[in-house]
PDB file of all heavy atoms in Angstrom:
ATOM      1  N   PRO A   1     184.205  53.698  79.558  1.00  0.00           N
ATOM      2  CA  PRO A   1     182.962  54.126  78.900  1.00  0.00           C
ATOM      3  C   PRO A   1     183.214  54.511  77.448  1.00  0.00           C
ATOM      4  O   PRO A   1     184.113  55.307  77.140  1.00  0.00           O
ATOM      5  CB  PRO A   1     182.534  55.338  79.729  1.00  0.00           C
ATOM      6  CG  PRO A   1     183.129  55.109  81.073  1.00  0.00           C
ATOM      7  CD  PRO A   1     184.434  54.429  80.822  1.00  0.00           C
ATOM      8  N   GLY A   2     182.433  53.927  76.560  1.00  0.00           N
ATOM      9  CA  GLY A   2     182.541  54.256  75.146  1.00  0.00           C
ATOM     10  C   GLY A   2     183.727  53.652  74.417  1.00  0.00           C
ATOM     11  O   GLY A   2     183.970  53.971  73.252  1.00  0.00           O
ATOM     12  N   LYS A   3     184.469  52.782  75.091  1.00  0.00           N
ATOM     13  CA  LYS A   3     185.654  52.187  74.479  1.00  0.00           C
ATOM     14  C   LYS A   3     185.552  50.664  74.479  1.00  0.00           C
ATOM     15  O   LYS A   3     184.744  50.084  75.184  1.00  0.00           O
ATOM     16  CB  LYS A   3     186.911  52.629  75.223  1.00  0.00           C
ATOM     17  CG  LYS A   3     187.197  54.112  75.123  1.00  0.00           C
ATOM     18  CD  LYS A   3     188.553  54.448  75.719  1.00  0.00           C
ATOM     19  CE  LYS A   3     188.872  55.928  75.554  1.00  0.00           C
ATOM     20  NZ  LYS A   3     190.211  56.264  76.110  1.00  0.00           N
ATOM     21  N   GLN A   4     186.402  50.054  73.663  1.00  0.00           N
ATOM     22  CA  GLN A   4     186.436  48.598  73.616  1.00  0.00           C
ATOM     23  C   GLN A   4     187.177  48.039  74.837  1.00  0.00           C
ATOM     24  O   GLN A   4     188.022  48.705  75.434  1.00  0.00           O
ATOM     25  CB  GLN A   4     187.117  48.129  72.332  1.00  0.00           C
ATOM     26  CG  GLN A   4     186.311  48.373  71.076  1.00  0.00           C
ATOM     27  CD  GLN A   4     186.911  47.701  69.853  1.00  0.00           C
ATOM     28  OE1 GLN A   4     188.116  47.490  69.778  1.00  0.00           O
ATOM     29  NE2 GLN A   4     186.073  47.353  68.899  1.00  0.00           N
ATOM     30  N   ARG A   5     186.852  46.810  75.153  1.00  0.00           N
ATOM     31  CA  ARG A   5     187.545  46.138  76.241  1.00  0.00           C
ATOM     32  C   ARG A   5     188.997  45.901  75.839  1.00  0.00           C
ATOM     33  O   ARG A   5     189.278  45.515  74.702  1.00  0.00           O
ATOM     34  CB  ARG A   5     186.845  44.820  76.569  1.00  0.00           C
ATOM     35  CG  ARG A   5     187.301  44.169  77.856  1.00  0.00           C
ATOM     36  CD  ARG A   5     186.432  42.965  78.196  1.00  0.00           C
ATOM     37  NE  ARG A   5     185.053  43.355  78.476  1.00  0.00           N
ATOM     38  CZ  ARG A   5     184.141  42.519  78.949  1.00  0.00           C
ATOM     39  NH1 ARG A   5     184.464  41.252  79.211  1.00  0.00           N
ATOM     40  NH2 ARG A   5     182.909  42.934  79.159  1.00  0.00           N
ATOM     41  N   GLU A   6     189.917  46.127  76.765  1.00  0.00           N
ATOM     42  CA  GLU A   6     191.333  45.955  76.473  1.00  0.00           C
ATOM     43  C   GLU A   6     192.011  45.147  77.577  1.00  0.00           C
ATOM     44  O   GLU A   6     191.615  45.210  78.743  1.00  0.00           O
ATOM     45  CB  GLU A   6     192.022  47.320  76.337  1.00  0.00           C
ATOM     46  CG  GLU A   6     191.988  48.170  77.601  1.00  0.00           C
ATOM     47  CD  GLU A   6     192.741  49.488  77.454  1.00  0.00           C
ATOM     48  OE1 GLU A   6     193.328  49.741  76.390  1.00  0.00           O
ATOM     49  OE2 GLU A   6     192.747  50.264  78.431  1.00  0.00           O
ATOM     50  N   GLN A   7     193.032  44.410  77.168  1.00  0.00           N
ATOM     51  CA  GLN A   7     193.784  43.625  78.132  1.00  0.00           C
ATOM     52  C   GLN A   7     194.717  44.537  78.908  1.00  0.00           C
ATOM     53  O   GLN A   7     195.430  45.349  78.314  1.00  0.00           O
ATOM     54  CB  GLN A   7     194.570  42.527  77.432  1.00  0.00           C
ATOM     55  CG  GLN A   7     195.337  41.607  78.376  1.00  0.00           C
ATOM     56  CD  GLN A   7     196.054  40.496  77.643  1.00  0.00           C
ATOM     57  OE1 GLN A   7     195.501  39.856  76.748  1.00  0.00           O
ATOM     58  NE2 GLN A   7     197.301  40.243  78.001  1.00  0.00           N
ATOM     59  N   VAL A   8     194.731  44.381  80.209  1.00  0.00           N
ATOM     60  CA  VAL A   8     195.561  45.200  81.078  1.00  0.00           C
ATOM     61  C   VAL A   8     196.798  44.436  81.537  1.00  0.00           C
ATOM     62  O   VAL A   8     197.909  44.959  81.509  1.00  0.00           O
ATOM     63  CB  VAL A   8     194.754  45.672  82.301  1.00  0.00           C
ATOM     64  CG1 VAL A   8     195.652  46.396  83.298  1.00  0.00           C
ATOM     65  CG2 VAL A   8     193.590  46.554  81.876  1.00  0.00           C
ATOM     66  N   ALA A   9     196.577  43.195  81.965  1.00  0.00           N
ATOM     67  CA  ALA A   9     197.686  42.421  82.515  1.00  0.00           C
ATOM     68  C   ALA A   9     197.404  40.938  82.360  1.00  0.00           C
ATOM     69  O   ALA A   9     196.248  40.517  82.297  1.00  0.00           O
ATOM     70  CB  ALA A   9     197.903  42.759  83.986  1.00  0.00           C
ATOM     71  N   GLN A  10     198.486  40.174  82.298  1.00  0.00           N
ATOM     72  CA  GLN A  10     198.404  38.730  82.173  1.00  0.00           C
ATOM     73  C   GLN A  10     199.404  38.107  83.137  1.00  0.00           C
ATOM     74  O   GLN A  10     200.507  38.630  83.304  1.00  0.00           O
ATOM     75  CB  GLN A  10     198.747  38.300  80.748  1.00  0.00           C
ATOM     76  CG  GLN A  10     198.836  36.792  80.553  1.00  0.00           C
ATOM     77  CD  GLN A  10     199.529  36.406  79.246  1.00  0.00           C
ATOM     78  OE1 GLN A  10     200.348  37.146  78.712  1.00  0.00           O
ATOM     79  NE2 GLN A  10     199.193  35.232  78.747  1.00  0.00           N
ATOM     80  N   ILE A  11     199.024  36.961  83.706  1.00  0.00           N
ATOM     81  CA  ILE A  11     199.980  36.149  84.448  1.00  0.00           C
ATOM     82  C   ILE A  11     199.781  34.704  84.024  1.00  0.00           C
ATOM     83  O   ILE A  11     198.669  34.176  84.066  1.00  0.00           O
ATOM     84  CB  ILE A  11     199.849  36.335  85.982  1.00  0.00           C
ATOM     85  CG1 ILE A  11     200.953  35.560  86.701  1.00  0.00           C
ATOM     86  CG2 ILE A  11     198.463  35.973  86.490  1.00  0.00           C
ATOM     87  CD1 ILE A  11     201.125  35.980  88.169  1.00  0.00           C
ATOM     88  N   THR A  12     200.856  34.086  83.577  1.00  0.00           N
ATOM     89  CA  THR A  12     200.749  32.737  83.043  1.00  0.00           C
ATOM     90  C   THR A  12     200.848  31.704  84.168  1.00  0.00           C
ATOM     91  O   THR A  12     201.081  32.034  85.337  1.00  0.00           O
ATOM     92  CB  THR A  12     201.866  32.483  82.029  1.00  0.00           C
ATOM     93  OG1 THR A  12     203.124  32.411  82.724  1.00  0.00           O
ATOM     94  CG2 THR A  12     201.911  33.575  80.963  1.00  0.00           C
ATOM     95  N   VAL A  13     200.722  30.452  83.774  1.00  0.00           N
ATOM     96  CA  VAL A  13     200.820  29.369  84.750  1.00  0.00           C
ATOM     97  C   VAL A  13     202.229  29.271  85.321  1.00  0.00           C
ATOM     98  O   VAL A  13     202.425  28.705  86.392  1.00  0.00           O
ATOM     99  CB  VAL A  13     200.373  28.026  84.144  1.00  0.00           C
ATOM    100  CG1 VAL A  13     198.906  28.080  83.754  1.00  0.00           C
ATOM    101  CG2 VAL A  13     201.218  27.658  82.943  1.00  0.00           C
ATOM    102  N   THR A  14     203.203  29.827  84.597  1.00  0.00           N
ATOM    103  CA  THR A  14     204.585  29.825  85.078  1.00  0.00           C
ATOM    104  C   THR A  14     204.949  31.137  85.762  1.00  0.00           C
ATOM    105  O   THR A  14     206.124  31.413  85.990  1.00  0.00           O
ATOM    106  CB  THR A  14     205.552  29.570  83.911  1.00  0.00           C
ATOM    107  OG1 THR A  14     205.348  30.574  82.910  1.00  0.00           O
ATOM    108  CG2 THR A  14     205.322  28.195  83.304  1.00  0.00           C
ATOM    109  N   MET A  15     203.945  31.954  86.037  1.00  0.00           N
ATOM    110  CA  MET A  15     204.126  33.226  86.762  1.00  0.00           C
ATOM    111  C   MET A  15     204.767  34.318  85.911  1.00  0.00           C
ATOM    112  O   MET A  15     205.180  35.349  86.451  1.00  0.00           O
ATOM    113  CB  MET A  15     204.931  33.036  88.051  1.00  0.00           C
ATOM    114  CG  MET A  15     204.301  32.093  89.038  1.00  0.00           C
ATOM    115  SD  MET A  15     202.729  32.727  89.647  1.00  0.00           S
ATOM    116  CE  MET A  15     202.367  31.550  90.940  1.00  0.00           C
ATOM    117  N   THR A  16     204.836  34.127  84.603  1.00  0.00           N
ATOM    118  CA  THR A  16     205.307  35.196  83.726  1.00  0.00           C
ATOM    119  C   THR A  16     204.216  36.252  83.615  1.00  0.00           C
ATOM    120  O   THR A  16     203.043  35.915  83.459  1.00  0.00           O
ATOM    121  CB  THR A  16     205.642  34.651  82.344  1.00  0.00           C
ATOM    122  OG1 THR A  16     206.650  33.644  82.464  1.00  0.00           O
ATOM    123  CG2 THR A  16     206.139  35.759  81.431  1.00  0.00           C
ATOM    124  N   THR A  17     204.619  37.514  83.689  1.00  0.00           N
ATOM    125  CA  THR A  17     203.638  38.594  83.633  1.00  0.00           C
ATOM    126  C   THR A  17     203.854  39.484  82.407  1.00  0.00           C
ATOM    127  O   THR A  17     204.975  39.627  81.909  1.00  0.00           O
ATOM    128  CB  THR A  17     203.708  39.464  84.897  1.00  0.00           C
ATOM    129  OG1 THR A  17     205.035  40.004  85.040  1.00  0.00           O
ATOM    130  CG2 THR A  17     203.358  38.658  86.138  1.00  0.00           C
ATOM    131  N   HIS A  18     202.758  40.041  81.922  1.00  0.00           N
ATOM    132  CA  HIS A  18     202.794  40.993  80.819  1.00  0.00           C
ATOM    133  C   HIS A  18     201.812  42.115  81.137  1.00  0.00           C
ATOM    134  O   HIS A  18     200.770  41.868  81.757  1.00  0.00           O
ATOM    135  CB  HIS A  18     202.389  40.324  79.500  1.00  0.00           C
ATOM    136  CG  HIS A  18     203.262  39.181  79.119  1.00  0.00           C
ATOM    137  ND1 HIS A  18     204.472  39.337  78.486  1.00  0.00           N
ATOM    138  CD2 HIS A  18     203.102  37.840  79.300  1.00  0.00           C
ATOM    139  CE1 HIS A  18     205.014  38.153  78.278  1.00  0.00           C
ATOM    140  NE2 HIS A  18     204.211  37.227  78.772  1.00  0.00           N
ATOM    141  N   TYR A  19     202.152  43.320  80.680  1.00  0.00           N
ATOM    142  CA  TYR A  19     201.314  44.477  80.968  1.00  0.00           C
ATOM    143  C   TYR A  19     201.107  45.324  79.725  1.00  0.00           C
ATOM    144  O   TYR A  19     201.980  45.422  78.865  1.00  0.00           O
ATOM    145  CB  TYR A  19     201.965  45.349  82.043  1.00  0.00           C
ATOM    146  CG  TYR A  19     202.142  44.643  83.367  1.00  0.00           C
ATOM    147  CD1 TYR A  19     203.337  43.997  83.677  1.00  0.00           C
ATOM    148  CD2 TYR A  19     201.106  44.604  84.295  1.00  0.00           C
ATOM    149  CE1 TYR A  19     203.489  43.332  84.882  1.00  0.00           C
ATOM    150  CE2 TYR A  19     201.256  43.945  85.510  1.00  0.00           C
ATOM    151  CZ  TYR A  19     202.441  43.307  85.796  1.00  0.00           C
ATOM    152  OH  TYR A  19     202.593  42.654  86.983  1.00  0.00           O
ATOM    153  N   ALA A  20     199.959  45.956  79.676  1.00  0.00           N
ATOM    154  CA  ALA A  20     199.737  46.968  78.663  1.00  0.00           C
ATOM    155  C   ALA A  20     200.675  48.148  78.937  1.00  0.00           C
ATOM    156  O   ALA A  20     200.981  48.454  80.095  1.00  0.00           O
ATOM    157  CB  ALA A  20     198.285  47.431  78.693  1.00  0.00           C
ATOM    158  N   ASP A  21     201.115  48.796  77.876  1.00  0.00           N
ATOM    159  CA  ASP A  21     202.062  49.904  78.043  1.00  0.00           C
ATOM    160  C   ASP A  21     201.521  50.977  78.986  1.00  0.00           C
ATOM    161  O   ASP A  21     202.279  51.583  79.744  1.00  0.00           O
ATOM    162  CB  ASP A  21     202.367  50.531  76.682  1.00  0.00           C
ATOM    163  CG  ASP A  21     203.237  49.639  75.822  1.00  0.00           C
ATOM    164  OD1 ASP A  21     203.886  48.719  76.365  1.00  0.00           O
ATOM    165  OD2 ASP A  21     203.270  49.862  74.591  1.00  0.00           O
ATOM    166  N   GLU A  22     200.204  51.170  78.938  1.00  0.00           N
ATOM    167  CA  GLU A  22     199.599  52.256  79.719  1.00  0.00           C
ATOM    168  C   GLU A  22     199.704  52.043  81.227  1.00  0.00           C
ATOM    169  O   GLU A  22     199.574  52.996  82.003  1.00  0.00           O
ATOM    170  CB  GLU A  22     198.120  52.417  79.346  1.00  0.00           C
ATOM    171  CG  GLU A  22     197.850  52.864  77.931  1.00  0.00           C
ATOM    172  CD  GLU A  22     197.866  51.717  76.928  1.00  0.00           C
ATOM    173  OE1 GLU A  22     198.215  50.572  77.307  1.00  0.00           O
ATOM    174  OE2 GLU A  22     197.506  51.983  75.763  1.00  0.00           O
ATOM    175  N   VAL A  23     199.932  50.797  81.653  1.00  0.00           N
ATOM    176  CA  VAL A  23     199.938  50.512  83.093  1.00  0.00           C
ATOM    177  C   VAL A  23     201.283  50.011  83.594  1.00  0.00           C
ATOM    178  O   VAL A  23     201.436  49.782  84.805  1.00  0.00           O
ATOM    179  CB  VAL A  23     198.822  49.515  83.470  1.00  0.00           C
ATOM    180  CG1 VAL A  23     197.468  50.001  82.946  1.00  0.00           C
ATOM    181  CG2 VAL A  23     199.130  48.118  82.942  1.00  0.00           C
ATOM    182  N   LYS A  24     202.233  49.834  82.701  1.00  0.00           N
ATOM    183  CA  LYS A  24     203.552  49.348  83.116  1.00  0.00           C
ATOM    184  C   LYS A  24     204.152  50.256  84.181  1.00  0.00           C
ATOM    185  O   LYS A  24     204.135  51.467  84.061  1.00  0.00           O
ATOM    186  CB  LYS A  24     204.485  49.258  81.915  1.00  0.00           C
ATOM    187  CG  LYS A  24     204.275  48.029  81.065  1.00  0.00           C
ATOM    188  CD  LYS A  24     205.266  47.999  79.901  1.00  0.00           C
ATOM    189  CE  LYS A  24     205.038  46.795  79.020  1.00  0.00           C
ATOM    190  NZ  LYS A  24     205.920  46.790  77.837  1.00  0.00           N
ATOM    191  N   GLY A  25     204.677  49.631  85.217  1.00  0.00           N
ATOM    192  CA  GLY A  25     205.290  50.391  86.296  1.00  0.00           C
ATOM    193  C   GLY A  25     204.313  50.876  87.351  1.00  0.00           C
ATOM    194  O   GLY A  25     204.729  51.356  88.411  1.00  0.00           O
ATOM    195  N   ARG A  26     203.017  50.753  87.068  1.00  0.00           N
ATOM    196  CA  ARG A  26     202.003  51.216  88.037  1.00  0.00           C
ATOM    197  C   ARG A  26     201.139  50.069  88.549  1.00  0.00           C
ATOM    198  O   ARG A  26     200.689  50.110  89.702  1.00  0.00           O
ATOM    199  CB  ARG A  26     201.093  52.272  87.388  1.00  0.00           C
ATOM    200  CG  ARG A  26     201.828  53.502  86.911  1.00  0.00           C
ATOM    201  CD  ARG A  26     200.844  54.607  86.468  1.00  0.00           C
ATOM    202  NE  ARG A  26     200.004  54.208  85.348  1.00  0.00           N
ATOM    203  CZ  ARG A  26     198.674  54.147  85.380  1.00  0.00           C
ATOM    204  NH1 ARG A  26     198.031  54.449  86.488  1.00  0.00           N
ATOM    205  NH2 ARG A  26     197.991  53.794  84.301  1.00  0.00           N
ATOM    206  N   PHE A  27     200.883  49.091  87.703  1.00  0.00           N
ATOM    207  CA  PHE A  27     200.035  47.952  88.063  1.00  0.00           C
ATOM    208  C   PHE A  27     200.896  46.700  88.224  1.00  0.00           C
ATOM    209  O   PHE A  27     201.918  46.546  87.535  1.00  0.00           O
ATOM    210  CB  PHE A  27     198.995  47.690  86.984  1.00  0.00           C
ATOM    211  CG  PHE A  27     197.907  48.721  86.865  1.00  0.00           C
ATOM    212  CD1 PHE A  27     197.981  49.946  87.530  1.00  0.00           C
ATOM    213  CD2 PHE A  27     196.787  48.464  86.082  1.00  0.00           C
ATOM    214  CE1 PHE A  27     196.976  50.888  87.402  1.00  0.00           C
ATOM    215  CE2 PHE A  27     195.769  49.394  85.958  1.00  0.00           C
ATOM    216  CZ  PHE A  27     195.868  50.610  86.608  1.00  0.00           C
ATOM    217  N   ALA A  28     200.442  45.815  89.086  1.00  0.00           N
ATOM    218  CA  ALA A  28     201.136  44.542  89.273  1.00  0.00           C
ATOM    219  C   ALA A  28     200.113  43.430  89.430  1.00  0.00           C
ATOM    220  O   ALA A  28     199.234  43.509  90.297  1.00  0.00           O
ATOM    221  CB  ALA A  28     202.050  44.603  90.481  1.00  0.00           C
TER     222      ALA A  28
END
C-alpha cells in the first residue's frame, strides 16, 4: 500500500533464480 511495485523473485528459462535482498533466504 502506497508504494511502487517491486520485483521480488525471478526464475529464468534455465532455472536460474534471483531474489530481492529483502526476501533472500526466506522466499523461494
